[in-house]
């Protein structure tokens, strides 16, 4: 017979004590489960791994791609841009804190405002978002299978990129943001 089940055969004081101990154990169980879940969660990749992910994305861009029903030609490689990485990282943090996935920031910010806040004055800009994927391979697979995300990845006007991941306790746990752009000062 489980110890948490107070039976009539036990003295009243023992039944009350067991009931209190069981209640305390039940209240502590979600905390222990949450702590175990947090320990099992893998952290987001380091910046070097994110930059390697950009290299894999550039391999994808070197070939013509079928995005939905549209065949898009190969595109030039993207180069890592610290300003776009900072913008992507800040936005991934905002999404994680709000536990929501949207191209409109929790504070109402637009993509242009996010780029400008990081010091990147854009001529063209694109943003791919993902949430819940465990690793970068899964994120890239998600984006390449989605017609609109794939079209964004193959946009030949984009020359710069920054990629970020932020882990949080929310529903999705991981938020991924890819910011791509072409700065105003660059010539076509």
N, C-alpha and C. Protein backbone atom coordinates (compact mmCIF):
# COMPACT_ATOMS: atom_id res chain seq x y z
N UNK A 1 0.85 -1.18 0.00
CA UNK A 1 0.00 0.00 0.00
C UNK A 1 0.90 1.23 0.00
N UNK A 2 0.66 2.23 -0.88
CA UNK A 2 1.49 3.43 -0.92
C UNK A 2 1.40 4.21 0.38
N UNK A 3 2.52 4.82 0.76
CA UNK A 3 2.59 5.56 2.01
C UNK A 3 1.71 6.80 2.00
N UNK A 4 1.42 7.36 0.84
CA UNK A 4 0.63 8.59 0.77
C UNK A 4 -0.86 8.36 0.93
N UNK A 5 -1.29 7.14 1.04
CA UNK A 5 -2.72 6.88 1.18
C UNK A 5 -3.02 6.66 2.66
N UNK A 6 -3.64 7.65 3.33
CA UNK A 6 -3.97 7.46 4.74
C UNK A 6 -5.16 6.50 4.84
N UNK A 7 -4.98 5.45 5.57
CA UNK A 7 -6.07 4.47 5.73
C UNK A 7 -6.62 4.57 7.15
N UNK A 8 -7.83 4.06 7.32
CA UNK A 8 -8.48 4.10 8.63
C UNK A 8 -7.75 3.22 9.64
N UNK A 9 -6.97 2.28 9.14
CA UNK A 9 -6.28 1.39 10.08
C UNK A 9 -5.10 2.10 10.76
N UNK A 10 -4.69 3.22 10.24
CA UNK A 10 -3.60 3.97 10.86
C UNK A 10 -4.20 4.95 11.86
N UNK A 11 -3.44 5.27 12.92
CA UNK A 11 -3.95 6.26 13.89
C UNK A 11 -4.18 7.61 13.22
N UNK A 12 -5.10 8.39 13.76
CA UNK A 12 -5.47 9.69 13.18
C UNK A 12 -4.26 10.61 13.04
N UNK A 13 -3.38 10.69 14.02
CA UNK A 13 -2.21 11.56 13.96
C UNK A 13 -1.30 11.15 12.81
N UNK A 14 -1.13 9.85 12.63
CA UNK A 14 -0.30 9.35 11.54
C UNK A 14 -0.96 9.65 10.19
N UNK A 15 -2.28 9.54 10.11
CA UNK A 15 -2.99 9.85 8.86
C UNK A 15 -2.80 11.32 8.51
N UNK A 16 -2.92 12.22 9.52
CA UNK A 16 -2.75 13.66 9.27
C UNK A 16 -1.31 13.95 8.82
N UNK A 17 -0.33 13.33 9.48
CA UNK A 17 1.07 13.54 9.12
C UNK A 17 1.33 13.06 7.69
N UNK A 18 0.81 11.89 7.34
CA UNK A 18 0.99 11.38 5.98
C UNK A 18 0.32 12.30 4.96
N UNK A 19 -0.84 12.80 5.29
CA UNK A 19 -1.54 13.71 4.38
C UNK A 19 -0.72 14.98 4.15
N UNK A 20 -0.12 15.53 5.22
CA UNK A 20 0.71 16.74 5.09
C UNK A 20 1.96 16.45 4.28
N UNK A 21 2.61 15.32 4.55
CA UNK A 21 3.81 14.96 3.80
C UNK A 21 3.50 14.74 2.33
N UNK A 22 2.38 14.09 2.06
CA UNK A 22 1.98 13.86 0.67
C UNK A 22 1.69 15.16 -0.04
N UNK A 23 1.00 16.07 0.63
CA UNK A 23 0.69 17.37 0.03
C UNK A 23 1.98 18.12 -0.28
N UNK A 24 2.93 18.09 0.66
CA UNK A 24 4.21 18.76 0.43
C UNK A 24 4.95 18.13 -0.74
N UNK A 25 4.91 16.80 -0.83
CA UNK A 25 5.58 16.11 -1.94
C UNK A 25 4.92 16.46 -3.27
N UNK A 26 3.60 16.55 -3.29
CA UNK A 26 2.89 16.89 -4.52
C UNK A 26 3.18 18.32 -4.94
N UNK A 27 3.31 19.23 -3.97
CA UNK A 27 3.63 20.61 -4.30
C UNK A 27 5.05 20.73 -4.82
N UNK A 28 5.97 19.94 -4.30
CA UNK A 28 7.37 20.01 -4.71
C UNK A 28 7.61 19.30 -6.04
N UNK A 29 6.75 18.38 -6.42
CA UNK A 29 6.97 17.59 -7.64
C UNK A 29 7.11 18.45 -8.89
N UNK A 30 6.22 19.46 -9.13
CA UNK A 30 6.40 20.27 -10.33
C UNK A 30 7.72 21.02 -10.33
N UNK A 31 8.18 21.47 -9.16
CA UNK A 31 9.45 22.19 -9.09
C UNK A 31 10.58 21.25 -9.48
N UNK A 32 10.58 20.03 -8.94
CA UNK A 32 11.62 19.07 -9.29
C UNK A 32 11.57 18.73 -10.77
N UNK A 33 10.37 18.56 -11.33
CA UNK A 33 10.23 18.25 -12.74
C UNK A 33 10.75 19.41 -13.59
N UNK A 34 10.45 20.65 -13.19
CA UNK A 34 10.92 21.82 -13.92
C UNK A 34 12.43 21.92 -13.85
N UNK A 35 13.02 21.65 -12.67
CA UNK A 35 14.47 21.69 -12.53
C UNK A 35 15.12 20.61 -13.40
N UNK A 36 14.55 19.42 -13.41
CA UNK A 36 15.09 18.33 -14.24
C UNK A 36 14.98 18.70 -15.72
N UNK A 37 13.86 19.29 -16.10
CA UNK A 37 13.66 19.68 -17.48
C UNK A 37 14.68 20.74 -17.89
N UNK A 38 14.94 21.70 -17.00
CA UNK A 38 15.92 22.75 -17.29
C UNK A 38 17.32 22.16 -17.43
N UNK A 39 17.63 21.14 -16.62
CA UNK A 39 18.94 20.52 -16.70
C UNK A 39 19.08 19.72 -17.99
N UNK A 40 17.99 19.11 -18.50
CA UNK A 40 18.03 18.33 -19.72
C UNK A 40 18.14 19.22 -20.95
N UNK A 41 17.67 20.46 -20.86
CA UNK A 41 17.69 21.38 -21.98
C UNK A 41 19.12 21.67 -22.40
N UNK A 42 19.38 21.53 -23.68
CA UNK A 42 20.69 21.88 -24.18
C UNK A 42 20.73 23.37 -24.44
N UNK A 43 21.88 23.98 -24.19
CA UNK A 43 21.98 25.42 -24.47
C UNK A 43 22.02 25.67 -25.98
N UNK A 44 21.76 26.89 -26.36
CA UNK A 44 21.88 27.28 -27.75
C UNK A 44 23.34 27.17 -28.18
N UNK A 45 23.57 27.03 -29.48
CA UNK A 45 24.95 26.93 -29.95
C UNK A 45 25.73 28.22 -29.72
N UNK A 46 27.04 28.07 -29.61
CA UNK A 46 27.95 29.22 -29.48
C UNK A 46 28.01 29.96 -30.82
N UNK A 47 28.56 31.17 -30.77
CA UNK A 47 28.64 31.99 -31.97
C UNK A 47 29.40 31.28 -33.11
N UNK A 48 30.46 30.56 -32.79
CA UNK A 48 31.23 29.86 -33.83
C UNK A 48 30.35 28.85 -34.56
N UNK A 49 29.48 28.16 -33.84
CA UNK A 49 28.57 27.20 -34.48
C UNK A 49 27.54 27.92 -35.34
N UNK A 50 27.10 29.09 -34.89
CA UNK A 50 26.14 29.86 -35.68
C UNK A 50 26.79 30.35 -36.97
N UNK A 51 28.05 30.78 -36.87
CA UNK A 51 28.77 31.20 -38.08
C UNK A 51 28.97 30.02 -39.03
N UNK A 52 29.21 28.83 -38.48
CA UNK A 52 29.32 27.63 -39.31
C UNK A 52 27.97 27.34 -39.98
N UNK A 53 26.89 27.63 -39.29
CA UNK A 53 25.56 27.48 -39.87
C UNK A 53 25.37 28.41 -41.06
N UNK A 54 25.94 29.60 -40.96
CA UNK A 54 25.87 30.53 -42.08
C UNK A 54 26.65 29.96 -43.27
N UNK A 55 27.76 29.30 -43.00
CA UNK A 55 28.52 28.66 -44.08
C UNK A 55 27.68 27.58 -44.77
N UNK A 56 26.92 26.81 -43.98
CA UNK A 56 26.03 25.79 -44.57
C UNK A 56 24.92 26.45 -45.39
N UNK A 57 24.41 27.57 -44.89
CA UNK A 57 23.40 28.31 -45.63
C UNK A 57 23.98 28.82 -46.95
N UNK A 58 25.23 29.25 -46.94
CA UNK A 58 25.87 29.72 -48.17
C UNK A 58 26.03 28.59 -49.18
N UNK A 59 26.28 27.38 -48.72
CA UNK A 59 26.33 26.22 -49.62
C UNK A 59 24.97 26.04 -50.28
N UNK A 60 23.90 26.18 -49.50
CA UNK A 60 22.53 26.09 -50.02
C UNK A 60 22.31 27.15 -51.10
N UNK A 61 22.81 28.36 -50.85
CA UNK A 61 22.61 29.47 -51.79
C UNK A 61 23.41 29.31 -53.09
N UNK A 62 24.42 28.47 -53.11
CA UNK A 62 25.25 28.33 -54.32
C UNK A 62 24.55 27.58 -55.44
N UNK A 63 23.42 26.96 -55.13
CA UNK A 63 22.70 26.18 -56.14
C UNK A 63 21.28 26.72 -56.31
N UNK A 64 20.76 26.57 -57.50
CA UNK A 64 19.37 26.92 -57.76
C UNK A 64 18.49 26.08 -56.82
N UNK A 65 17.44 26.69 -56.28
CA UNK A 65 16.58 25.99 -55.32
C UNK A 65 15.12 26.11 -55.73
N UNK A 66 14.37 25.06 -55.46
CA UNK A 66 12.93 25.07 -55.66
C UNK A 66 12.30 25.47 -54.33
N UNK A 67 11.75 26.67 -54.30
CA UNK A 67 11.11 27.20 -53.09
C UNK A 67 9.60 27.19 -53.34
N UNK A 68 8.93 26.21 -52.78
CA UNK A 68 7.51 26.05 -53.09
C UNK A 68 7.41 25.60 -54.54
N UNK A 69 6.75 26.43 -55.37
CA UNK A 69 6.60 26.11 -56.79
C UNK A 69 7.49 26.98 -57.67
N UNK A 70 8.35 27.78 -57.04
CA UNK A 70 9.23 28.69 -57.80
C UNK A 70 10.66 28.18 -57.78
N UNK A 71 11.28 28.14 -58.93
CA UNK A 71 12.70 27.80 -59.04
C UNK A 71 13.48 29.11 -58.98
N UNK A 72 14.35 29.22 -57.99
CA UNK A 72 15.14 30.45 -57.81
C UNK A 72 16.60 30.16 -58.16
N UNK A 73 17.24 31.13 -58.83
CA UNK A 73 18.64 30.93 -59.20
C UNK A 73 19.57 31.00 -57.97
N UNK A 74 20.78 30.53 -58.16
CA UNK A 74 21.78 30.61 -57.10
C UNK A 74 21.97 32.08 -56.69
N UNK A 75 22.39 32.28 -55.48
CA UNK A 75 22.57 33.63 -54.94
C UNK A 75 24.00 33.75 -54.38
N UNK A 76 24.49 34.99 -54.31
CA UNK A 76 25.85 35.17 -53.76
C UNK A 76 25.90 34.81 -52.27
N UNK A 77 27.09 34.50 -51.77
CA UNK A 77 27.20 34.13 -50.36
C UNK A 77 26.90 35.32 -49.44
N UNK A 78 26.43 35.00 -48.26
CA UNK A 78 26.19 36.00 -47.22
C UNK A 78 27.46 36.11 -46.38
N UNK A 79 27.74 37.30 -45.89
CA UNK A 79 28.86 37.46 -44.98
C UNK A 79 28.33 37.80 -43.59
N UNK A 80 29.01 37.30 -42.58
CA UNK A 80 28.62 37.52 -41.20
C UNK A 80 28.76 39.01 -40.89
N UNK A 81 27.74 39.57 -40.28
CA UNK A 81 27.76 40.98 -39.89
C UNK A 81 27.42 41.07 -38.42
N UNK A 82 28.32 41.62 -37.64
CA UNK A 82 28.13 41.72 -36.19
C UNK A 82 26.91 42.54 -35.80
N UNK A 83 26.59 43.57 -36.58
CA UNK A 83 25.42 44.38 -36.26
C UNK A 83 24.14 43.57 -36.43
N UNK A 84 24.09 42.75 -37.49
CA UNK A 84 22.90 41.93 -37.71
C UNK A 84 22.83 40.80 -36.70
N UNK A 85 23.97 40.29 -36.28
CA UNK A 85 23.99 39.27 -35.24
C UNK A 85 23.47 39.87 -33.94
N UNK A 86 23.89 41.10 -33.62
CA UNK A 86 23.41 41.77 -32.41
C UNK A 86 21.90 42.01 -32.49
N UNK A 87 21.43 42.41 -33.66
CA UNK A 87 20.00 42.64 -33.86
C UNK A 87 19.22 41.33 -33.70
N UNK A 88 19.73 40.25 -34.31
CA UNK A 88 19.07 38.95 -34.22
C UNK A 88 19.06 38.45 -32.78
N UNK A 89 20.16 38.63 -32.09
CA UNK A 89 20.25 38.18 -30.69
C UNK A 89 19.29 38.95 -29.79
N UNK A 90 19.25 40.27 -29.97
CA UNK A 90 18.33 41.09 -29.16
C UNK A 90 16.88 40.68 -29.42
N UNK A 91 16.55 40.44 -30.69
CA UNK A 91 15.17 40.10 -31.01
C UNK A 91 14.81 38.70 -30.51
N UNK A 92 15.74 37.76 -30.62
CA UNK A 92 15.48 36.42 -30.08
C UNK A 92 15.22 36.50 -28.58
N UNK A 93 15.95 37.37 -27.88
CA UNK A 93 15.71 37.58 -26.45
C UNK A 93 14.33 38.15 -26.18
N UNK A 94 13.90 39.10 -27.00
CA UNK A 94 12.56 39.68 -26.84
C UNK A 94 11.48 38.61 -27.06
N UNK A 95 11.65 37.81 -28.10
CA UNK A 95 10.67 36.77 -28.39
C UNK A 95 10.61 35.75 -27.26
N UNK A 96 11.78 35.38 -26.74
CA UNK A 96 11.83 34.42 -25.64
C UNK A 96 11.14 34.98 -24.40
N UNK A 97 11.42 36.24 -24.08
CA UNK A 97 10.82 36.87 -22.90
C UNK A 97 9.30 36.95 -23.04
N UNK A 98 8.83 37.20 -24.25
CA UNK A 98 7.38 37.30 -24.49
C UNK A 98 6.76 35.94 -24.74
N UNK A 99 7.58 34.93 -24.96
CA UNK A 99 7.14 33.56 -25.27
C UNK A 99 6.17 33.57 -26.44
N UNK A 100 6.61 34.25 -27.53
CA UNK A 100 5.75 34.40 -28.70
C UNK A 100 6.62 34.54 -29.94
N UNK A 101 6.10 34.12 -31.07
CA UNK A 101 6.83 34.19 -32.34
C UNK A 101 6.07 35.10 -33.29
N UNK A 102 6.68 36.24 -33.63
CA UNK A 102 6.02 37.21 -34.50
C UNK A 102 7.07 38.13 -35.12
N UNK A 103 6.79 38.60 -36.33
CA UNK A 103 7.69 39.56 -36.97
C UNK A 103 7.45 40.98 -36.46
N UNK A 104 6.39 41.17 -35.70
CA UNK A 104 6.15 42.45 -35.03
C UNK A 104 6.60 42.26 -33.59
N UNK A 105 7.54 43.07 -33.15
CA UNK A 105 8.11 42.90 -31.82
C UNK A 105 7.08 43.03 -30.72
N UNK A 106 7.36 42.42 -29.57
CA UNK A 106 6.45 42.53 -28.43
C UNK A 106 6.17 43.99 -28.05
N UNK A 107 7.14 44.86 -28.35
CA UNK A 107 6.95 46.29 -28.07
C UNK A 107 6.45 47.05 -29.30
N UNK A 108 6.08 46.31 -30.37
CA UNK A 108 5.57 46.93 -31.59
C UNK A 108 6.64 47.27 -32.61
N UNK A 109 7.89 46.88 -32.36
CA UNK A 109 8.98 47.24 -33.26
C UNK A 109 8.87 46.52 -34.60
N UNK A 110 9.38 47.20 -35.63
CA UNK A 110 9.43 46.64 -36.98
C UNK A 110 10.85 46.14 -37.25
N UNK A 111 11.00 45.40 -38.32
CA UNK A 111 12.33 44.92 -38.70
C UNK A 111 13.27 46.09 -38.95
N UNK A 112 12.80 47.10 -39.64
CA UNK A 112 13.62 48.29 -39.91
C UNK A 112 14.10 48.91 -38.60
N UNK A 113 13.23 49.03 -37.62
CA UNK A 113 13.62 49.60 -36.33
C UNK A 113 14.65 48.72 -35.62
N UNK A 114 14.50 47.39 -35.71
CA UNK A 114 15.47 46.50 -35.08
C UNK A 114 16.84 46.64 -35.73
N UNK A 115 16.87 46.72 -37.07
CA UNK A 115 18.14 46.89 -37.77
C UNK A 115 18.78 48.23 -37.40
N UNK A 116 17.98 49.27 -37.42
CA UNK A 116 18.51 50.61 -37.13
C UNK A 116 19.06 50.68 -35.70
N UNK A 117 18.38 50.03 -34.75
CA UNK A 117 18.84 50.03 -33.36
C UNK A 117 20.21 49.38 -33.21
N UNK A 118 20.53 48.46 -34.12
CA UNK A 118 21.85 47.80 -34.07
C UNK A 118 22.90 48.55 -34.89
N UNK A 119 22.51 49.66 -35.52
CA UNK A 119 23.45 50.45 -36.30
C UNK A 119 23.53 50.04 -37.77
N UNK A 120 22.63 49.18 -38.21
CA UNK A 120 22.63 48.72 -39.60
C UNK A 120 21.56 49.48 -40.36
N UNK A 121 21.98 50.42 -41.22
CA UNK A 121 21.02 51.18 -42.02
C UNK A 121 20.82 50.38 -43.31
N UNK A 122 19.63 49.87 -43.49
CA UNK A 122 19.36 48.90 -44.53
C UNK A 122 18.76 49.49 -45.79
N UNK A 123 19.13 48.89 -46.88
CA UNK A 123 18.45 49.13 -48.14
C UNK A 123 17.41 48.03 -48.33
N UNK A 124 17.81 46.80 -48.02
CA UNK A 124 16.93 45.63 -48.08
C UNK A 124 17.09 44.85 -46.79
N UNK A 125 16.03 44.19 -46.37
CA UNK A 125 16.10 43.43 -45.12
C UNK A 125 15.17 42.23 -45.17
N UNK A 126 15.59 41.19 -44.50
CA UNK A 126 14.78 39.99 -44.37
C UNK A 126 14.99 39.36 -43.00
N UNK A 127 13.98 38.66 -42.55
CA UNK A 127 14.03 38.05 -41.23
C UNK A 127 13.36 36.68 -41.29
N UNK A 128 14.08 35.66 -40.87
CA UNK A 128 13.51 34.33 -40.71
C UNK A 128 13.48 34.01 -39.22
N UNK A 129 12.35 33.51 -38.76
CA UNK A 129 12.18 33.16 -37.35
C UNK A 129 11.84 31.68 -37.23
N UNK A 130 12.23 31.11 -36.12
CA UNK A 130 11.86 29.73 -35.80
C UNK A 130 11.81 29.61 -34.29
N UNK A 131 11.02 28.65 -33.83
CA UNK A 131 10.93 28.44 -32.39
C UNK A 131 10.70 26.96 -32.11
N UNK A 132 11.42 26.47 -31.12
CA UNK A 132 11.23 25.10 -30.68
C UNK A 132 12.22 24.10 -31.24
N UNK A 133 12.87 24.42 -32.34
CA UNK A 133 13.82 23.47 -32.92
C UNK A 133 15.00 23.27 -31.98
N UNK A 134 15.47 22.03 -31.92
CA UNK A 134 16.55 21.66 -31.00
C UNK A 134 17.92 22.17 -31.45
N UNK A 135 18.17 22.13 -32.76
CA UNK A 135 19.51 22.51 -33.22
C UNK A 135 19.42 23.23 -34.56
N UNK A 136 20.57 23.71 -35.00
CA UNK A 136 20.64 24.51 -36.21
C UNK A 136 20.26 23.71 -37.45
N UNK A 137 20.63 22.44 -37.50
CA UNK A 137 20.25 21.61 -38.65
C UNK A 137 18.73 21.56 -38.79
N UNK A 138 18.04 21.41 -37.68
CA UNK A 138 16.57 21.35 -37.70
C UNK A 138 15.99 22.70 -38.15
N UNK A 139 16.59 23.79 -37.71
CA UNK A 139 16.12 25.12 -38.09
C UNK A 139 16.29 25.32 -39.60
N UNK A 140 17.48 25.01 -40.11
CA UNK A 140 17.73 25.18 -41.54
C UNK A 140 16.81 24.29 -42.37
N UNK A 141 16.56 23.08 -41.90
CA UNK A 141 15.64 22.19 -42.62
C UNK A 141 14.22 22.78 -42.64
N UNK A 142 13.80 23.35 -41.53
CA UNK A 142 12.47 23.98 -41.45
C UNK A 142 12.38 25.13 -42.45
N UNK A 143 13.39 25.98 -42.47
CA UNK A 143 13.37 27.15 -43.35
C UNK A 143 13.46 26.75 -44.83
N UNK A 144 14.23 25.73 -45.15
CA UNK A 144 14.37 25.36 -46.57
C UNK A 144 13.12 24.66 -47.09
N UNK A 145 12.32 24.06 -46.21
CA UNK A 145 11.07 23.40 -46.64
C UNK A 145 9.91 24.38 -46.77
N UNK A 146 10.02 25.56 -46.17
CA UNK A 146 8.96 26.56 -46.24
C UNK A 146 9.21 27.47 -47.43
N UNK A 147 8.23 27.60 -48.32
CA UNK A 147 8.41 28.40 -49.54
C UNK A 147 8.84 29.83 -49.23
N UNK A 148 8.16 30.50 -48.31
CA UNK A 148 8.49 31.91 -48.04
C UNK A 148 9.85 32.06 -47.36
N UNK A 149 10.16 31.16 -46.43
CA UNK A 149 11.47 31.24 -45.78
C UNK A 149 12.59 30.91 -46.77
N UNK A 150 12.34 29.93 -47.63
CA UNK A 150 13.31 29.54 -48.66
C UNK A 150 13.56 30.71 -49.61
N UNK A 151 12.50 31.39 -50.03
CA UNK A 151 12.65 32.55 -50.92
C UNK A 151 13.49 33.63 -50.24
N UNK A 152 13.28 33.82 -48.96
CA UNK A 152 14.07 34.79 -48.21
C UNK A 152 15.55 34.37 -48.20
N UNK A 153 15.79 33.07 -47.96
CA UNK A 153 17.16 32.57 -47.93
C UNK A 153 17.86 32.74 -49.28
N UNK A 154 17.11 32.68 -50.36
CA UNK A 154 17.67 32.75 -51.71
C UNK A 154 17.65 34.17 -52.30
N UNK A 155 17.25 35.15 -51.53
CA UNK A 155 17.18 36.53 -52.01
C UNK A 155 18.58 37.01 -52.40
N UNK A 156 18.82 37.27 -53.69
CA UNK A 156 20.17 37.65 -54.13
C UNK A 156 20.61 39.04 -53.66
N UNK A 157 19.66 39.89 -53.29
CA UNK A 157 20.02 41.23 -52.83
C UNK A 157 20.65 41.23 -51.44
N UNK A 158 20.44 40.18 -50.66
CA UNK A 158 21.01 40.13 -49.32
C UNK A 158 22.48 39.76 -49.40
N UNK A 159 23.31 40.55 -48.71
CA UNK A 159 24.76 40.31 -48.68
C UNK A 159 25.27 40.02 -47.28
N UNK A 160 24.56 40.50 -46.26
CA UNK A 160 25.01 40.39 -44.88
C UNK A 160 24.01 39.56 -44.08
N UNK A 161 24.50 38.93 -43.02
CA UNK A 161 23.59 38.14 -42.19
C UNK A 161 24.12 38.04 -40.76
N UNK A 162 23.19 37.82 -39.85
CA UNK A 162 23.48 37.54 -38.45
C UNK A 162 22.45 36.55 -37.95
N UNK A 163 22.89 35.58 -37.19
CA UNK A 163 22.03 34.50 -36.72
C UNK A 163 22.17 34.39 -35.22
N UNK A 164 21.04 34.14 -34.54
CA UNK A 164 21.08 34.02 -33.08
C UNK A 164 20.07 33.01 -32.60
N UNK A 165 20.35 32.47 -31.42
CA UNK A 165 19.45 31.56 -30.72
C UNK A 165 19.45 31.98 -29.26
N UNK A 166 18.27 31.99 -28.66
CA UNK A 166 18.13 32.28 -27.23
C UNK A 166 17.25 31.20 -26.61
N UNK A 167 17.73 30.64 -25.50
CA UNK A 167 16.95 29.64 -24.77
C UNK A 167 16.19 30.32 -23.65
N UNK A 168 14.99 29.83 -23.39
CA UNK A 168 14.18 30.37 -22.31
C UNK A 168 13.26 29.31 -21.76
N UNK A 169 12.56 29.64 -20.69
CA UNK A 169 11.70 28.65 -20.05
C UNK A 169 10.31 28.51 -20.68
N UNK A 170 10.04 29.25 -21.71
CA UNK A 170 8.68 29.27 -22.26
C UNK A 170 8.29 28.04 -23.05
N UNK A 171 7.18 28.16 -23.73
CA UNK A 171 6.58 27.08 -24.50
C UNK A 171 7.55 26.48 -25.51
N UNK A 172 8.26 27.33 -26.25
CA UNK A 172 9.12 26.86 -27.33
C UNK A 172 10.56 26.56 -26.89
N UNK A 173 10.97 27.06 -25.77
CA UNK A 173 12.31 26.90 -25.19
C UNK A 173 13.41 27.60 -25.98
N UNK A 174 13.47 27.42 -27.30
CA UNK A 174 14.50 28.07 -28.11
C UNK A 174 13.86 28.95 -29.17
N UNK A 175 14.43 30.13 -29.32
CA UNK A 175 14.00 31.05 -30.37
C UNK A 175 15.20 31.32 -31.26
N UNK A 176 14.98 31.19 -32.58
CA UNK A 176 16.03 31.37 -33.58
C UNK A 176 15.66 32.55 -34.46
N UNK A 177 16.62 33.43 -34.70
CA UNK A 177 16.39 34.60 -35.55
C UNK A 177 17.55 34.72 -36.54
N UNK A 178 17.21 34.84 -37.82
CA UNK A 178 18.18 35.11 -38.87
C UNK A 178 17.83 36.46 -39.46
N UNK A 179 18.76 37.40 -39.38
CA UNK A 179 18.58 38.71 -40.02
C UNK A 179 19.52 38.78 -41.22
N UNK A 180 18.95 39.14 -42.36
CA UNK A 180 19.72 39.27 -43.60
C UNK A 180 19.46 40.65 -44.17
N UNK A 181 20.46 41.23 -44.81
CA UNK A 181 20.24 42.55 -45.35
C UNK A 181 21.31 42.99 -46.33
N UNK A 182 21.05 44.17 -46.83
CA UNK A 182 22.01 44.90 -47.66
C UNK A 182 21.99 46.32 -47.15
N UNK A 183 23.15 46.78 -46.74
CA UNK A 183 23.25 48.13 -46.16
C UNK A 183 23.11 49.18 -47.25
N UNK A 184 22.69 50.38 -46.86
CA UNK A 184 22.49 51.48 -47.77
C UNK A 184 23.80 51.85 -48.47
N UNK A 185 24.92 51.81 -47.78
CA UNK A 185 26.20 52.25 -48.33
C UNK A 185 26.75 51.30 -49.39
N UNK A 186 26.21 50.07 -49.48
CA UNK A 186 26.74 49.11 -50.45
C UNK A 186 26.10 49.34 -51.82
N UNK A 187 26.89 49.19 -52.86
CA UNK A 187 26.40 49.35 -54.22
C UNK A 187 25.80 48.04 -54.72
N UNK A 188 24.80 48.13 -55.60
CA UNK A 188 24.17 46.90 -56.13
C UNK A 188 25.12 46.10 -56.99
